[in-house]
Amino acid sequence: MANNTKRSAQVVVDQNQLLAWQAAWSSGDYSRATQIRALMSDNLGKVVDKLAVLPGEAQLPYARVAIIIATALFLYGIAAVSRRITIKLGALFLGIAVYAFAVVALVLA
């Protein structure tokens, strides 16, 4: 059974750190406020590292291939409706090259 739970990208800031930062900032102790802010940023970095691999990232190579194939189909459409032979052949051969690139990208994904 697939795990369809989504990871939340929201970060819960420690309320004590936030209150300490606000108190230090409002009292004019900017060096202490900077230290607290650095600690909060370090905690944020740890949370972002845990969320580095999101569930949708496994599908990204296939999405790229789909976009490349859509580009090839667009070029085939231009080749189909164009009346000038140079545009028709250029779009057709470029579409073939883009499609070949999509096949290679799919094999390597």
Protein backbone atom coordinates (compact mmCIF):
# COMPACT_ATOMS: atom_id res chain seq x y z
CA MET A 1 0.00 0.00 0.00
CA ALA A 2 1.43 3.36 -1.04
CA ASN A 3 2.15 5.99 1.53
CA ASN A 4 0.25 9.05 0.33
CA THR A 5 1.06 11.26 3.27
CA LYS A 6 2.49 14.64 2.37
CA ARG A 7 5.32 16.19 4.28
CA SER A 8 4.61 19.67 5.43
CA ALA A 9 7.13 22.32 4.46
CA GLN A 10 5.94 24.53 7.29
CA VAL A 11 8.43 25.06 10.07
CA VAL A 12 7.32 25.46 13.64
CA VAL A 13 9.59 27.95 15.37
CA ASP A 14 10.29 27.35 19.02
CA GLN A 15 8.10 29.86 20.83
CA ASN A 16 10.73 30.47 23.54
CA GLN A 17 13.36 31.36 20.94
CA LEU A 18 10.99 33.70 19.20
CA LEU A 19 10.04 35.46 22.43
CA ALA A 20 13.69 35.73 23.46
CA TRP A 21 14.57 37.22 20.07
CA GLN A 22 11.73 39.75 20.31
CA ALA A 23 12.75 40.73 23.85
CA ALA A 24 16.41 41.14 22.89
CA TRP A 25 15.54 43.15 19.78
CA SER A 26 13.12 45.46 21.57
CA SER A 27 15.56 46.08 24.42
CA GLY A 28 18.29 47.08 21.95
CA ASP A 29 20.56 44.11 22.63
CA TYR A 30 21.21 43.51 18.94
CA SER A 31 24.17 41.17 19.42
CA ARG A 32 22.05 38.81 21.53
CA ALA A 33 19.20 39.09 19.03
CA THR A 34 21.61 38.18 16.24
CA GLN A 35 22.82 35.13 18.18
CA ILE A 36 19.26 33.95 18.77
CA ARG A 37 18.42 34.53 15.10
CA ALA A 38 21.44 32.45 14.06
CA LEU A 39 20.29 29.64 16.35
CA MET A 40 16.81 29.81 14.84
CA SER A 41 18.30 29.72 11.32
CA ASP A 42 20.42 26.70 12.26
CA ASN A 43 17.31 24.88 13.46
CA LEU A 44 15.57 25.84 10.22
CA GLY A 45 18.47 24.40 8.25
CA LYS A 46 18.13 21.08 10.07
CA VAL A 47 14.43 20.93 9.27
CA VAL A 48 15.06 21.76 5.61
CA ASP A 49 17.66 18.99 5.45
CA LYS A 50 15.05 16.52 6.69
CA LEU A 51 12.64 17.68 3.98
CA ALA A 52 15.28 17.57 1.24
CA VAL A 53 13.79 14.52 -0.44
CA LEU A 54 10.11 15.13 -1.00
CA PRO A 55 7.79 12.40 -2.31
CA GLY A 56 7.26 14.06 -5.71
CA GLU A 57 10.97 14.22 -6.50
CA ALA A 58 10.97 10.62 -7.74
CA GLN A 59 8.63 11.65 -10.56
CA LEU A 60 10.65 14.65 -11.75
CA PRO A 61 12.63 12.83 -14.49
CA TYR A 62 9.39 11.57 -16.02
CA ALA A 63 7.89 15.05 -15.93
CA ARG A 64 10.92 16.37 -17.78
CA VAL A 65 10.56 13.66 -20.41
CA ALA A 66 6.87 14.52 -20.81
CA ILE A 67 7.76 18.17 -21.40
CA ILE A 68 10.40 17.20 -23.98
CA ILE A 69 7.90 14.98 -25.79
CA ALA A 70 5.35 17.81 -25.75
CA THR A 71 7.96 20.02 -27.40
CA ALA A 72 8.50 17.40 -30.10
CA LEU A 73 4.75 17.17 -30.70
CA PHE A 74 4.57 20.95 -30.96
CA LEU A 75 7.27 20.88 -33.62
CA TYR A 76 5.41 18.13 -35.49
CA GLY A 77 2.32 20.33 -35.43
CA ILE A 78 4.26 23.24 -36.89
CA ALA A 79 5.56 20.92 -39.61
CA ALA A 80 2.02 19.75 -40.36
CA VAL A 81 0.48 23.20 -40.83
CA SER A 82 3.36 25.01 -42.46
CA ARG A 83 3.15 25.64 -46.21
CA ARG A 84 6.84 26.44 -46.74
CA ILE A 85 8.89 23.35 -47.35
CA THR A 86 11.93 24.71 -45.48
CA ILE A 87 9.91 25.33 -42.32
CA LYS A 88 8.14 21.99 -42.72
CA LEU A 89 11.37 20.01 -43.06
CA GLY A 90 13.20 22.00 -40.40
CA ALA A 91 10.45 21.53 -37.82
CA LEU A 92 10.09 17.85 -38.74
CA PHE A 93 13.79 17.06 -38.36
CA LEU A 94 14.08 19.16 -35.21
CA GLY A 95 11.06 17.31 -33.79
CA ILE A 96 12.72 13.99 -34.59
CA ALA A 97 15.91 15.12 -32.83
CA VAL A 98 13.98 16.34 -29.77
CA TYR A 99 12.03 13.06 -29.66
CA ALA A 100 15.28 11.07 -29.82
CA PHE A 101 16.60 13.17 -26.95
CA ALA A 102 13.43 12.36 -24.98
CA VAL A 103 13.94 8.64 -25.55
CA VAL A 104 17.53 8.88 -24.32
CA ALA A 105 16.41 10.91 -21.28
CA LEU A 106 13.74 8.30 -20.53
CA VAL A 107 16.26 5.47 -20.70
CA LEU A 108 18.61 7.33 -18.36
CA ALA A 109 15.85 8.33 -15.88
